[in-house]
């Protein structure tokens, strides 16, 4: 994983997460959140995405009392078209247990690629937002 410093247009600057997606690799890279207990009904994950020969899948994962985890898929094969950053809204919905959000990065071609992620936000996930 590489964290890049980016100079944006005008006077703003910031960072984004840049992940290389290796060609012909069966290995996936995972970005895992801390545990959350969401209290609102229409929770979603919002992120900006830039991809080249890569894509992401998004999972919610709950911990069981025996230590195992149970994942369920929220979005699959998310990528962008063209060469611009695109915003994606991924519905989490109403969850009555503590979960972690897992973003899985994979390469979808035989060429070297990348996935860049920026502006990760949990939107409408907690009462009082």
C-alpha atoms as a PDB file:
ATOM      1  CA  UNK A   1       0.000   0.000   0.000  1.00  0.00           C
ATOM      2  CA  UNK A   2       1.203   3.454  -0.855  1.00  0.00           C
ATOM      3  CA  UNK A   3      -0.258   6.659   0.519  1.00  0.00           C
ATOM      4  CA  UNK A   4       0.279   9.436  -2.017  1.00  0.00           C
ATOM      5  CA  UNK A   5       0.308  13.125  -1.347  1.00  0.00           C
ATOM      6  CA  UNK A   6      -1.688  14.941  -3.981  1.00  0.00           C
ATOM      7  CA  UNK A   7      -1.815  18.563  -4.955  1.00  0.00           C
ATOM      8  CA  UNK A   8      -5.320  19.371  -6.108  1.00  0.00           C
ATOM      9  CA  UNK A   9      -6.499  22.205  -8.275  1.00  0.00           C
ATOM     10  CA  UNK A  10      -6.550  25.648  -6.676  1.00  0.00           C
ATOM     11  CA  UNK A  11      -5.184  25.784  -3.139  1.00  0.00           C
ATOM     12  CA  UNK A  12      -6.317  22.443  -1.751  1.00  0.00           C
ATOM     13  CA  UNK A  13      -4.075  19.466  -1.047  1.00  0.00           C
ATOM     14  CA  UNK A  14      -4.637  16.070   0.494  1.00  0.00           C
ATOM     15  CA  UNK A  15      -3.938  12.354   0.409  1.00  0.00           C
ATOM     16  CA  UNK A  16      -5.421   9.262  -1.177  1.00  0.00           C
ATOM     17  CA  UNK A  17      -4.789   5.536  -0.922  1.00  0.00           C
ATOM     18  CA  UNK A  18      -3.065   3.985  -3.951  1.00  0.00           C
ATOM     19  CA  UNK A  19      -2.969   0.204  -4.362  1.00  0.00           C
ATOM     20  CA  UNK A  20      -1.155  -1.634  -7.143  1.00  0.00           C
ATOM     21  CA  UNK A  21      -3.145  -4.470  -8.707  1.00  0.00           C
ATOM     22  CA  UNK A  22      -0.688  -7.050 -10.034  1.00  0.00           C
ATOM     23  CA  UNK A  23      -1.450  -8.879 -13.305  1.00  0.00           C
ATOM     24  CA  UNK A  24      -2.507 -12.535 -13.140  1.00  0.00           C
ATOM     25  CA  UNK A  25      -2.487 -12.435  -9.364  1.00  0.00           C
ATOM     26  CA  UNK A  26      -5.030 -14.377  -7.379  1.00  0.00           C
ATOM     27  CA  UNK A  27      -4.071 -12.328  -4.322  1.00  0.00           C
ATOM     28  CA  UNK A  28      -6.496  -9.618  -3.255  1.00  0.00           C
ATOM     29  CA  UNK A  29      -5.647  -6.613  -1.110  1.00  0.00           C
ATOM     30  CA  UNK A  30      -7.970  -5.709   1.776  1.00  0.00           C
ATOM     31  CA  UNK A  31      -8.714  -2.415   3.477  1.00  0.00           C
ATOM     32  CA  UNK A  32     -10.531  -3.154   6.758  1.00  0.00           C
ATOM     33  CA  UNK A  33     -12.359  -0.629   8.938  1.00  0.00           C
ATOM     34  CA  UNK A  34     -12.520  -0.664  12.716  1.00  0.00           C
ATOM     35  CA  UNK A  35     -15.722  -2.188  14.153  1.00  0.00           C
ATOM     36  CA  UNK A  36     -18.824   0.028  13.976  1.00  0.00           C
ATOM     37  CA  UNK A  37     -22.300  -0.187  15.459  1.00  0.00           C
ATOM     38  CA  UNK A  38     -24.505   1.823  13.115  1.00  0.00           C
ATOM     39  CA  UNK A  39     -27.589   3.408  14.644  1.00  0.00           C
ATOM     40  CA  UNK A  40     -29.364   4.864  11.600  1.00  0.00           C
ATOM     41  CA  UNK A  41     -31.525   3.068   9.041  1.00  0.00           C
ATOM     42  CA  UNK A  42     -30.074   4.116   5.669  1.00  0.00           C
ATOM     43  CA  UNK A  43     -26.328   3.878   6.131  1.00  0.00           C
ATOM     44  CA  UNK A  44     -24.039   4.048   3.105  1.00  0.00           C
ATOM     45  CA  UNK A  45     -20.349   4.101   2.280  1.00  0.00           C
ATOM     46  CA  UNK A  46     -19.341   6.951  -0.026  1.00  0.00           C
ATOM     47  CA  UNK A  47     -15.954   6.990  -1.727  1.00  0.00           C
ATOM     48  CA  UNK A  48     -14.126   8.409  -4.703  1.00  0.00           C
ATOM     49  CA  UNK A  49     -12.500   5.810  -6.921  1.00  0.00           C
ATOM     50  CA  UNK A  50      -9.948   5.839  -9.719  1.00  0.00           C
ATOM     51  CA  UNK A  51      -9.089   2.509 -11.340  1.00  0.00           C
ATOM     52  CA  UNK A  52      -7.009   1.129 -14.183  1.00  0.00           C
ATOM     53  CA  UNK A  53      -7.397  -2.629 -14.708  1.00  0.00           C
ATOM     54  CA  UNK A  54      -8.579  -3.028 -11.143  1.00  0.00           C
ATOM     55  CA  UNK A  55     -11.845  -3.099  -9.253  1.00  0.00           C
ATOM     56  CA  UNK A  56     -13.150  -3.307  -5.719  1.00  0.00           C
ATOM     57  CA  UNK A  57     -15.729  -5.351  -3.903  1.00  0.00           C
ATOM     58  CA  UNK A  58     -17.206  -4.133  -0.621  1.00  0.00           C
ATOM     59  CA  UNK A  59     -18.247  -6.453   2.196  1.00  0.00           C
ATOM     60  CA  UNK A  60     -19.727  -6.065   5.651  1.00  0.00           C
ATOM     61  CA  UNK A  61     -18.312  -8.510   8.169  1.00  0.00           C
ATOM     62  CA  UNK A  62     -19.685  -9.433  11.583  1.00  0.00           C
ATOM     63  CA  UNK A  63     -17.727 -11.184  14.332  1.00  0.00           C
ATOM     64  CA  UNK A  64     -19.321 -14.273  15.841  1.00  0.00           C
ATOM     65  CA  UNK A  65     -18.960 -15.237  19.506  1.00  0.00           C
ATOM     66  CA  UNK A  66     -16.665 -18.134  18.549  1.00  0.00           C
ATOM     67  CA  UNK A  67     -14.206 -15.714  16.882  1.00  0.00           C
ATOM     68  CA  UNK A  68     -15.132 -16.496  13.284  1.00  0.00           C
ATOM     69  CA  UNK A  69     -16.407 -13.806  10.947  1.00  0.00           C
ATOM     70  CA  UNK A  70     -19.387 -13.817   8.613  1.00  0.00           C
ATOM     71  CA  UNK A  71     -19.023 -11.597   5.523  1.00  0.00           C
ATOM     72  CA  UNK A  72     -21.791 -10.489   3.182  1.00  0.00           C
ATOM     73  CA  UNK A  73     -21.276  -8.662  -0.068  1.00  0.00           C
ATOM     74  CA  UNK A  74     -22.525  -5.091  -0.440  1.00  0.00           C
ATOM     75  CA  UNK A  75     -21.076  -4.347  -3.899  1.00  0.00           C
ATOM     76  CA  UNK A  76     -19.093  -6.322  -6.468  1.00  0.00           C
ATOM     77  CA  UNK A  77     -16.821  -5.351  -9.366  1.00  0.00           C
ATOM     78  CA  UNK A  78     -16.965  -1.607  -8.670  1.00  0.00           C
ATOM     79  CA  UNK A  79     -14.685   0.368 -10.985  1.00  0.00           C
ATOM     80  CA  UNK A  80     -14.752   3.569 -12.970  1.00  0.00           C
ATOM     81  CA  UNK A  81     -14.949   4.304 -16.658  1.00  0.00           C
ATOM     82  CA  UNK A  82     -12.560   6.680 -18.332  1.00  0.00           C
ATOM     83  CA  UNK A  83      -9.626   8.245 -16.587  1.00  0.00           C
ATOM     84  CA  UNK A  84     -11.417  10.423 -14.037  1.00  0.00           C
ATOM     85  CA  UNK A  85     -12.205  10.029 -10.360  1.00  0.00           C
ATOM     86  CA  UNK A  86     -15.797   8.914  -9.802  1.00  0.00           C
ATOM     87  CA  UNK A  87     -17.882   8.985  -6.645  1.00  0.00           C
ATOM     88  CA  UNK A  88     -19.648   5.774  -5.613  1.00  0.00           C
ATOM     89  CA  UNK A  89     -22.388   5.346  -2.995  1.00  0.00           C
ATOM     90  CA  UNK A  90     -22.648   1.818  -1.610  1.00  0.00           C
ATOM     91  CA  UNK A  91     -25.679   0.983   0.500  1.00  0.00           C
ATOM     92  CA  UNK A  92     -25.033  -0.661   3.863  1.00  0.00           C
ATOM     93  CA  UNK A  93     -28.625  -0.302   5.042  1.00  0.00           C
ATOM     94  CA  UNK A  94     -29.779  -1.028   8.568  1.00  0.00           C
ATOM     95  CA  UNK A  95     -27.549  -3.396  10.524  1.00  0.00           C
ATOM     96  CA  UNK A  96     -28.406  -4.457  14.076  1.00  0.00           C
ATOM     97  CA  UNK A  97     -24.931  -5.691  15.023  1.00  0.00           C
ATOM     98  CA  UNK A  98     -21.338  -4.510  15.132  1.00  0.00           C
ATOM     99  CA  UNK A  99     -19.658  -4.861  11.735  1.00  0.00           C
ATOM    100  CA  UNK A 100     -16.469  -3.991   9.919  1.00  0.00           C
ATOM    101  CA  UNK A 101     -16.418  -2.740   6.335  1.00  0.00           C
ATOM    102  CA  UNK A 102     -13.955  -4.579   4.061  1.00  0.00           C
ATOM    103  CA  UNK A 103     -12.863  -3.174   0.705  1.00  0.00           C
ATOM    104  CA  UNK A 104     -11.270  -5.859  -1.452  1.00  0.00           C
ATOM    105  CA  UNK A 105      -9.039  -4.776  -4.348  1.00  0.00           C
ATOM    106  CA  UNK A 106      -8.481  -7.138  -7.290  1.00  0.00           C
ATOM    107  CA  UNK A 107      -6.937  -6.980 -10.746  1.00  0.00           C
ATOM    108  CA  UNK A 108      -9.439  -7.771 -13.482  1.00  0.00           C
ATOM    109  CA  UNK A 109      -7.023  -8.090 -16.431  1.00  0.00           C
ATOM    110  CA  UNK A 110      -3.616  -9.449 -17.346  1.00  0.00           C
ATOM    111  CA  UNK A 111      -2.072  -5.975 -17.218  1.00  0.00           C
ATOM    112  CA  UNK A 112      -0.613  -4.090 -14.293  1.00  0.00           C
ATOM    113  CA  UNK A 113      -3.240  -1.817 -12.803  1.00  0.00           C
ATOM    114  CA  UNK A 114      -4.163   0.237  -9.804  1.00  0.00           C
ATOM    115  CA  UNK A 115      -7.007   1.243  -7.575  1.00  0.00           C
ATOM    116  CA  UNK A 116      -6.943   4.632  -5.872  1.00  0.00           C
ATOM    117  CA  UNK A 117      -9.461   5.451  -3.119  1.00  0.00           C
ATOM    118  CA  UNK A 118     -10.210   8.875  -1.675  1.00  0.00           C
ATOM    119  CA  UNK A 119     -12.843  10.643   0.438  1.00  0.00           C
ATOM    120  CA  UNK A 120     -14.070   7.575   2.354  1.00  0.00           C
ATOM    121  CA  UNK A 121     -17.189   8.535   4.317  1.00  0.00           C
ATOM    122  CA  UNK A 122     -19.886   6.751   6.276  1.00  0.00           C
ATOM    123  CA  UNK A 123     -23.061   8.698   5.464  1.00  0.00           C
ATOM    124  CA  UNK A 124     -26.340   8.605   7.432  1.00  0.00           C
ATOM    125  CA  UNK A 125     -24.994   5.816   9.642  1.00  0.00           C
ATOM    126  CA  UNK A 126     -25.445   7.372  13.070  1.00  0.00           C
ATOM    127  CA  UNK A 127     -28.401   9.154  14.696  1.00  0.00           C
ATOM    128  CA  UNK A 128     -27.959  12.895  14.872  1.00  0.00           C
ATOM    129  CA  UNK A 129     -26.124  13.211  11.547  1.00  0.00           C
END
